[in-house]
């Protein structure tokens, strides 16, 4: 039996190509797994943000408010989203951060810490508040001004909250979450199909023993 020189040369050229193809495939698979992991992480983050900004406040009757100034630094720096939960003013304690109207009946609000609570002889309450980074206390706050106590806060998310009105906020995060979920599903299906194709190729390439 004779072997042509051309066949020998082709075999020598093809031999190193197989490891290169396997290396490229492993690299491609690794990138796909990384993409799936990143997508899953982003999806989880979007779900958590949706819960923190939309679902939980709506269930609890709370209101998301954005910190715009540095008066509460370093605890609540500008851009922080605070969720304000309404409740009886008699439950407010010294040390709580309350959100109150600058003027009773007007929409502008501020969130500062309660440093003292005064009660008149008639039983009326007055709250003394101050920003953590401010040198002086605010004007006394009456119960009619109080919108609620800061329940929890999320750093930086206040900027997004300010950029979206109530109508947009209710659908933007769910849409982003659905998009990331769909992308993750696509990557997982594609990875499964590639793995199946690889197994079929190995089966076909396996030598048959008679």
Protein backbone atom coordinates (compact mmCIF):
# COMPACT_ATOMS: atom_id res chain seq x y z
CA UNK A 1 0.00 0.00 0.00
CA UNK A 2 1.37 3.38 -0.95
CA UNK A 3 0.60 6.76 0.61
CA UNK A 4 0.86 9.88 -1.51
CA UNK A 5 3.09 12.73 -0.40
CA UNK A 6 0.12 15.08 -0.67
CA UNK A 7 -1.88 13.00 1.82
CA UNK A 8 0.99 12.95 4.30
CA UNK A 9 1.42 16.73 4.08
CA UNK A 10 -2.32 17.29 4.56
CA UNK A 11 -2.30 15.04 7.63
CA UNK A 12 0.59 16.99 9.12
CA UNK A 13 -1.20 20.29 8.49
CA UNK A 14 -4.54 19.07 9.89
CA UNK A 15 -3.06 17.55 13.07
CA UNK A 16 -2.40 20.87 14.89
CA UNK A 17 -5.75 22.27 13.73
CA UNK A 18 -7.85 20.01 15.95
CA UNK A 19 -6.41 21.34 19.25
CA UNK A 20 -6.90 24.89 18.00
CA UNK A 21 -10.55 24.18 17.17
CA UNK A 22 -11.07 22.66 20.61
CA UNK A 23 -9.43 25.68 22.26
CA UNK A 24 -11.65 28.07 20.29
CA UNK A 25 -14.73 26.05 21.26
CA UNK A 26 -13.78 26.07 24.95
CA UNK A 27 -13.20 29.83 24.79
CA UNK A 28 -16.58 30.33 23.12
CA UNK A 29 -18.33 28.15 25.71
CA UNK A 30 -16.63 30.00 28.57
CA UNK A 31 -17.75 33.35 27.18
CA UNK A 32 -21.31 32.06 26.86
CA UNK A 33 -21.29 30.89 30.49
CA UNK A 34 -19.95 34.29 31.57
CA UNK A 35 -22.68 36.03 29.56
CA UNK A 36 -25.33 33.82 31.18
CA UNK A 37 -23.94 34.60 34.64
CA UNK A 38 -23.85 38.35 33.98
CA UNK A 39 -27.39 38.28 32.58
CA UNK A 40 -28.64 36.31 35.57
CA UNK A 41 -26.93 38.76 37.94
CA UNK A 42 -28.43 41.76 36.17
CA UNK A 43 -31.84 40.09 36.19
CA UNK A 44 -31.58 39.49 39.93
CA UNK A 45 -30.54 43.11 40.47
CA UNK A 46 -33.48 44.41 38.42
CA UNK A 47 -35.87 42.20 40.40
CA UNK A 48 -34.47 43.48 43.70
CA UNK A 49 -34.72 47.08 42.53
CA UNK A 50 -38.30 46.53 41.35
CA UNK A 51 -39.17 45.08 44.74
CA UNK A 52 -37.46 47.93 46.61
CA UNK A 53 -38.83 50.78 44.49
CA UNK A 54 -42.25 49.57 43.31
CA UNK A 55 -43.61 46.43 44.94
CA UNK A 56 -42.73 46.86 48.63
CA UNK A 57 -43.62 50.59 48.81
CA UNK A 58 -46.94 49.96 47.05
CA UNK A 59 -47.86 47.11 49.40
CA UNK A 60 -46.85 49.09 52.49
CA UNK A 61 -48.37 52.39 51.32
CA UNK A 62 -44.90 53.97 51.42
CA UNK A 63 -43.48 56.65 49.14
CA UNK A 64 -40.04 56.72 47.39
CA UNK A 65 -38.29 60.07 47.86
CA UNK A 66 -34.93 61.22 46.46
CA UNK A 67 -32.33 62.93 48.65
CA UNK A 68 -31.19 65.98 46.69
CA UNK A 69 -28.86 67.80 49.10
CA UNK A 70 -25.88 66.90 51.29
CA UNK A 71 -27.53 67.81 54.60
CA UNK A 72 -27.77 64.15 55.65
CA UNK A 73 -24.26 63.09 54.64
CA UNK A 74 -22.65 60.67 55.14
CA UNK A 75 -25.71 58.60 56.10
CA UNK A 76 -27.89 59.64 53.17
CA UNK A 77 -25.79 61.34 50.48
CA UNK A 78 -27.35 63.08 47.45
CA UNK A 79 -28.91 60.62 45.01
CA UNK A 80 -30.02 58.20 47.73
CA UNK A 81 -33.54 56.83 47.39
CA UNK A 82 -35.38 56.72 50.71
CA UNK A 83 -38.68 54.91 51.17
CA UNK A 84 -40.89 56.86 53.54
CA UNK A 85 -43.50 54.92 55.49
CA UNK A 86 -46.43 56.85 56.96
CA UNK A 87 -47.59 56.13 60.49
CA UNK A 88 -48.88 57.73 63.68
CA UNK A 89 -46.72 60.68 64.68
CA UNK A 90 -46.88 59.49 68.30
CA UNK A 91 -44.65 56.58 67.24
CA UNK A 92 -41.82 58.88 66.04
CA UNK A 93 -38.77 58.64 68.27
CA UNK A 94 -35.60 60.67 68.73
CA UNK A 95 -33.06 59.39 66.22
CA UNK A 96 -35.63 58.62 63.52
CA UNK A 97 -35.20 60.28 60.13
CA UNK A 98 -38.54 61.80 59.17
CA UNK A 99 -39.69 63.29 55.89
CA UNK A 100 -41.73 66.43 56.40
CA UNK A 101 -43.18 69.30 54.40
CA UNK A 102 -41.19 72.51 54.54
CA UNK A 103 -44.52 74.27 54.79
CA UNK A 104 -47.68 72.53 55.79
CA UNK A 105 -49.82 71.65 52.78
CA UNK A 106 -47.08 72.28 50.19
CA UNK A 107 -45.42 69.47 48.20
CA UNK A 108 -41.74 70.29 48.92
CA UNK A 109 -40.31 67.92 51.54
CA UNK A 110 -37.05 67.32 53.36
CA UNK A 111 -35.71 64.33 55.29
CA UNK A 112 -33.87 65.13 58.53
CA UNK A 113 -33.18 63.39 61.84
CA UNK A 114 -35.31 64.01 64.92
CA UNK A 115 -33.07 65.34 67.71
CA UNK A 116 -35.76 66.23 70.24
CA UNK A 117 -39.51 65.95 70.81
CA UNK A 118 -41.39 68.58 72.76
CA UNK A 119 -44.91 68.30 74.12
CA UNK A 120 -46.97 71.30 75.17
CA UNK A 121 -49.24 71.41 78.23
CA UNK A 122 -52.16 70.66 75.93
CA UNK A 123 -50.39 67.53 74.63
CA UNK A 124 -49.46 68.89 71.19
CA UNK A 125 -46.24 67.51 69.75
CA UNK A 126 -43.40 69.46 68.16
CA UNK A 127 -40.39 67.81 66.53
CA UNK A 128 -36.91 69.33 66.46
CA UNK A 129 -34.94 68.07 63.45
CA UNK A 130 -31.47 68.59 62.04
CA UNK A 131 -29.48 67.34 59.08
CA UNK A 132 -26.59 65.11 60.18
CA UNK A 133 -24.07 67.41 58.50
CA UNK A 134 -25.81 70.67 59.42
CA UNK A 135 -24.55 72.85 62.26
CA UNK A 136 -27.97 74.14 63.31
CA UNK A 137 -31.39 72.65 63.91
CA UNK A 138 -34.37 73.28 61.63
CA UNK A 139 -37.45 75.25 62.49
CA UNK A 140 -39.82 73.25 64.72
CA UNK A 141 -41.95 70.73 62.83
CA UNK A 142 -45.61 70.15 63.69
CA UNK A 143 -47.36 66.79 63.18
CA UNK A 144 -49.34 68.10 60.17
CA UNK A 145 -46.07 68.51 58.27
CA UNK A 146 -44.81 64.96 58.86
CA UNK A 147 -45.20 62.63 55.85
CA UNK A 148 -43.61 59.61 57.50
CA UNK A 149 -40.44 57.96 58.81
CA UNK A 150 -37.63 56.83 56.51
CA UNK A 151 -38.04 53.05 56.38
CA UNK A 152 -35.04 52.06 54.25
CA UNK A 153 -32.74 53.59 51.67
CA UNK A 154 -31.02 52.55 48.42
CA UNK A 155 -27.81 54.43 47.40
CA UNK A 156 -27.74 56.22 44.01
CA UNK A 157 -31.12 54.91 42.90
CA UNK A 158 -32.68 58.27 43.66
CA UNK A 159 -31.31 59.69 40.41
CA UNK A 160 -33.27 57.11 38.42
CA UNK A 161 -36.32 57.74 40.58
CA UNK A 162 -36.12 61.46 39.83
CA UNK A 163 -35.70 60.84 36.10
CA UNK A 164 -38.84 58.69 35.88
CA UNK A 165 -42.31 59.90 36.68
CA UNK A 166 -44.77 57.59 38.45
CA UNK A 167 -46.25 56.25 35.20
CA UNK A 168 -42.90 55.34 33.64
CA UNK A 169 -41.52 53.92 36.88
CA UNK A 170 -44.30 51.33 37.01
CA UNK A 171 -43.30 49.73 33.67
CA UNK A 172 -39.64 50.51 32.94
CA UNK A 173 -38.13 48.11 35.51
CA UNK A 174 -40.50 45.21 34.65
CA UNK A 175 -39.74 45.64 30.93
CA UNK A 176 -35.98 45.64 31.56
CA UNK A 177 -36.38 42.55 33.77
CA UNK A 178 -38.35 40.67 31.12
CA UNK A 179 -35.74 41.60 28.50
CA UNK A 180 -32.88 40.29 30.65
CA UNK A 181 -34.84 37.13 31.44
CA UNK A 182 -35.44 36.52 27.74
CA UNK A 183 -31.76 37.09 26.94
CA UNK A 184 -30.67 34.68 29.69
CA UNK A 185 -33.11 32.08 28.38
CA UNK A 186 -31.75 32.51 24.85
CA UNK A 187 -28.17 32.00 26.02
CA UNK A 188 -29.09 28.90 28.02
CA UNK A 189 -31.01 27.36 25.12
CA UNK A 190 -28.17 28.14 22.75
CA UNK A 191 -25.64 26.62 25.12
CA UNK A 192 -27.76 23.47 25.44
CA UNK A 193 -28.09 23.15 21.66
CA UNK A 194 -24.34 23.56 21.21
CA UNK A 195 -23.67 20.87 23.82
CA UNK A 196 -26.14 18.53 22.11
CA UNK A 197 -24.53 19.13 18.72
CA UNK A 198 -21.12 18.41 20.19
CA UNK A 199 -22.30 15.10 21.67
CA UNK A 200 -23.82 14.08 18.32
CA UNK A 201 -20.58 14.95 16.52
CA UNK A 202 -18.56 12.84 18.96
CA UNK A 203 -20.98 9.94 18.51
CA UNK A 204 -20.65 10.06 14.74
CA UNK A 205 -16.89 10.32 14.91
CA UNK A 206 -16.52 7.36 17.28
CA UNK A 207 -15.05 4.25 15.55
CA UNK A 208 -17.42 1.36 15.01
CA UNK A 209 -16.15 -2.05 16.23
CA UNK A 210 -17.33 -5.09 14.28
